Amino acid sequence: MLPNGMPATAMIQHESIASTIPDLWMANPAEVGALRTNVASDDPAYVAAMRDAFYGDVTVEDFVGWTANLHCDEPAAVGIRPSAATAERFGGVTRHYIANNRG
């Protein structure tokens, strides 16, 4: 979760991933109004870059399985709206967690 008041673009611009994520976009967000990625790509280099950028702490096998549940477009407005997390509202949204118990 982003800290209160931080937009997602602040994370995208962070030095650790700033050179990676924009290369994954399949269209100009200003033109299409979305952060468009190719979640169905069969290009091994693109898939590896996508995993490293967003899911670097999971196995390749798990990432490939999870891509079936991803969608290609995230509204661009999501990236510029500051997070509205507050202590009062934190925990007000039901969360689901995926645990890898394969040992």
C-alpha atoms as a PDB file:
ATOM      1  CA  MET A   1       0.000   0.000   0.000  1.00  0.00           C
ATOM      2  CA  LEU A   2       1.133   3.487  -0.751  1.00  0.00           C
ATOM      3  CA  PRO A   3       1.557   5.928   2.116  1.00  0.00           C
ATOM      4  CA  ASN A   4      -1.196   8.506   2.533  1.00  0.00           C
ATOM      5  CA  GLY A   5      -0.907  11.225  -0.102  1.00  0.00           C
ATOM      6  CA  MET A   6       1.507   9.377  -2.392  1.00  0.00           C
ATOM      7  CA  PRO A   7       0.398   8.712  -5.982  1.00  0.00           C
ATOM      8  CA  ALA A   8       1.488   5.513  -7.732  1.00  0.00           C
ATOM      9  CA  THR A   9       3.529   7.573 -10.189  1.00  0.00           C
ATOM     10  CA  ALA A  10       5.866   8.401  -7.293  1.00  0.00           C
ATOM     11  CA  MET A  11       6.646   4.698  -7.035  1.00  0.00           C
ATOM     12  CA  ILE A  12       7.032   4.331 -10.798  1.00  0.00           C
ATOM     13  CA  GLN A  13       9.520   7.218 -10.776  1.00  0.00           C
ATOM     14  CA  HIS A  14      11.576   5.691  -7.956  1.00  0.00           C
ATOM     15  CA  GLU A  15      15.169   5.073  -9.062  1.00  0.00           C
ATOM     16  CA  SER A  16      14.868   1.328  -8.445  1.00  0.00           C
ATOM     17  CA  ILE A  17      12.217   0.858 -11.157  1.00  0.00           C
ATOM     18  CA  ALA A  18      12.019   4.101 -13.153  1.00  0.00           C
ATOM     19  CA  SER A  19      13.970   2.649 -16.048  1.00  0.00           C
ATOM     20  CA  THR A  20      11.905  -0.553 -16.137  1.00  0.00           C
ATOM     21  CA  ILE A  21       8.175   0.129 -15.957  1.00  0.00           C
ATOM     22  CA  PRO A  22       7.726   2.680 -18.767  1.00  0.00           C
ATOM     23  CA  ASP A  23       9.406   0.192 -21.121  1.00  0.00           C
ATOM     24  CA  LEU A  24       6.592  -2.261 -20.354  1.00  0.00           C
ATOM     25  CA  TRP A  25       3.820   0.059 -21.516  1.00  0.00           C
ATOM     26  CA  MET A  26       2.353  -0.873 -24.873  1.00  0.00           C
ATOM     27  CA  ALA A  27       0.871   2.577 -25.547  1.00  0.00           C
ATOM     28  CA  ASN A  28       1.308   6.157 -24.440  1.00  0.00           C
ATOM     29  CA  PRO A  29      -0.791   6.545 -21.251  1.00  0.00           C
ATOM     30  CA  ALA A  30      -1.610  10.163 -22.142  1.00  0.00           C
ATOM     31  CA  GLU A  31      -3.085   9.029 -25.465  1.00  0.00           C
ATOM     32  CA  VAL A  32      -4.992   5.908 -24.377  1.00  0.00           C
ATOM     33  CA  GLY A  33      -5.845   6.890 -20.806  1.00  0.00           C
ATOM     34  CA  ALA A  34      -4.420   3.645 -19.460  1.00  0.00           C
ATOM     35  CA  LEU A  35      -1.233   2.043 -18.261  1.00  0.00           C
ATOM     36  CA  ARG A  36      -1.300  -0.712 -20.879  1.00  0.00           C
ATOM     37  CA  THR A  37       0.855  -3.800 -20.582  1.00  0.00           C
ATOM     38  CA  ASN A  38       0.901  -7.041 -22.547  1.00  0.00           C
ATOM     39  CA  VAL A  39       0.017  -9.614 -19.907  1.00  0.00           C
ATOM     40  CA  ALA A  40      -0.330 -12.293 -22.610  1.00  0.00           C
ATOM     41  CA  SER A  41       3.084 -11.691 -24.161  1.00  0.00           C
ATOM     42  CA  ASP A  42       5.012 -14.705 -25.359  1.00  0.00           C
ATOM     43  CA  ASP A  43       8.257 -12.709 -25.542  1.00  0.00           C
ATOM     44  CA  PRO A  44      10.495 -14.205 -22.823  1.00  0.00           C
ATOM     45  CA  ALA A  45      12.389 -10.922 -22.337  1.00  0.00           C
ATOM     46  CA  TYR A  46       9.158  -8.935 -21.882  1.00  0.00           C
ATOM     47  CA  VAL A  47       7.712 -11.532 -19.491  1.00  0.00           C
ATOM     48  CA  ALA A  48      10.936 -11.500 -17.447  1.00  0.00           C
ATOM     49  CA  ALA A  49      10.925  -7.689 -17.297  1.00  0.00           C
ATOM     50  CA  MET A  50       7.269  -7.677 -16.229  1.00  0.00           C
ATOM     51  CA  ARG A  51       7.946 -10.189 -13.476  1.00  0.00           C
ATOM     52  CA  ASP A  52      11.018  -8.342 -12.265  1.00  0.00           C
ATOM     53  CA  ALA A  53       9.182  -5.008 -12.182  1.00  0.00           C
ATOM     54  CA  PHE A  54       6.003  -6.119 -10.434  1.00  0.00           C
ATOM     55  CA  TYR A  55       6.493  -9.601  -9.000  1.00  0.00           C
ATOM     56  CA  GLY A  56      10.223  -9.913  -8.405  1.00  0.00           C
ATOM     57  CA  ASP A  57       9.779 -11.830  -5.165  1.00  0.00           C
ATOM     58  CA  VAL A  58       7.768 -14.730  -6.630  1.00  0.00           C
ATOM     59  CA  THR A  59       8.932 -17.703  -8.622  1.00  0.00           C
ATOM     60  CA  VAL A  60       8.763 -17.635 -12.411  1.00  0.00           C
ATOM     61  CA  GLU A  61       6.303 -20.537 -12.327  1.00  0.00           C
ATOM     62  CA  ASP A  62       3.943 -18.717  -9.954  1.00  0.00           C
ATOM     63  CA  PHE A  63       4.157 -15.514 -11.973  1.00  0.00           C
ATOM     64  CA  VAL A  64       3.324 -17.277 -15.232  1.00  0.00           C
ATOM     65  CA  GLY A  65       0.317 -18.893 -13.567  1.00  0.00           C
ATOM     66  CA  TRP A  66      -0.923 -15.597 -12.163  1.00  0.00           C
ATOM     67  CA  THR A  67      -0.709 -13.714 -15.464  1.00  0.00           C
ATOM     68  CA  ALA A  68      -3.906 -15.482 -16.530  1.00  0.00           C
ATOM     69  CA  ASN A  69      -5.715 -13.370 -13.921  1.00  0.00           C
ATOM     70  CA  LEU A  70      -4.198 -10.027 -14.918  1.00  0.00           C
ATOM     71  CA  HIS A  71      -5.754  -7.471 -17.262  1.00  0.00           C
ATOM     72  CA  CYS A  72      -3.895  -5.346 -19.781  1.00  0.00           C
ATOM     73  CA  ASP A  73      -5.199  -1.873 -18.899  1.00  0.00           C
ATOM     74  CA  GLU A  74      -5.044   0.003 -15.612  1.00  0.00           C
ATOM     75  CA  PRO A  75      -6.734   3.402 -15.809  1.00  0.00           C
ATOM     76  CA  ALA A  76      -4.027   6.063 -15.998  1.00  0.00           C
ATOM     77  CA  ALA A  77      -5.864   8.139 -13.391  1.00  0.00           C
ATOM     78  CA  VAL A  78      -4.986   5.492 -10.809  1.00  0.00           C
ATOM     79  CA  GLY A  79      -1.355   6.487 -11.177  1.00  0.00           C
ATOM     80  CA  ILE A  80      -1.861  10.171 -10.453  1.00  0.00           C
ATOM     81  CA  ARG A  81      -4.417  10.080  -7.637  1.00  0.00           C
ATOM     82  CA  PRO A  82      -2.796  10.367  -4.231  1.00  0.00           C
ATOM     83  CA  SER A  83      -3.447   7.492  -1.888  1.00  0.00           C
ATOM     84  CA  ALA A  84      -6.172   8.275   0.609  1.00  0.00           C
ATOM     85  CA  ALA A  85      -5.103   5.795   3.271  1.00  0.00           C
ATOM     86  CA  THR A  86      -5.944   6.937   6.766  1.00  0.00           C
ATOM     87  CA  ALA A  87      -5.622   5.283  10.162  1.00  0.00           C
ATOM     88  CA  GLU A  88      -9.412   5.428  10.521  1.00  0.00           C
ATOM     89  CA  ARG A  89     -10.119   3.743   7.191  1.00  0.00           C
ATOM     90  CA  PHE A  90      -7.205   1.327   7.162  1.00  0.00           C
ATOM     91  CA  GLY A  91      -8.606  -2.176   7.328  1.00  0.00           C
ATOM     92  CA  GLY A  92     -12.008  -1.086   6.032  1.00  0.00           C
ATOM     93  CA  VAL A  93     -11.576  -2.966   2.768  1.00  0.00           C
ATOM     94  CA  THR A  94     -11.668  -6.742   2.740  1.00  0.00           C
ATOM     95  CA  ARG A  95      -8.314  -8.177   1.711  1.00  0.00           C
ATOM     96  CA  HIS A  96      -7.363 -11.534   0.324  1.00  0.00           C
ATOM     97  CA  TYR A  97      -3.885 -12.979   0.493  1.00  0.00           C
ATOM     98  CA  ILE A  98      -2.325 -15.740  -1.528  1.00  0.00           C
ATOM     99  CA  ALA A  99       0.081 -17.951   0.364  1.00  0.00           C
ATOM    100  CA  ASN A 100       2.536 -20.232  -1.341  1.00  0.00           C
ATOM    101  CA  ASN A 101       2.622 -23.329   0.819  1.00  0.00           C
ATOM    102  CA  ARG A 102       4.433 -25.562  -1.636  1.00  0.00           C
ATOM    103  CA  GLY A 103       7.364 -25.770   0.754  1.00  0.00           C
END
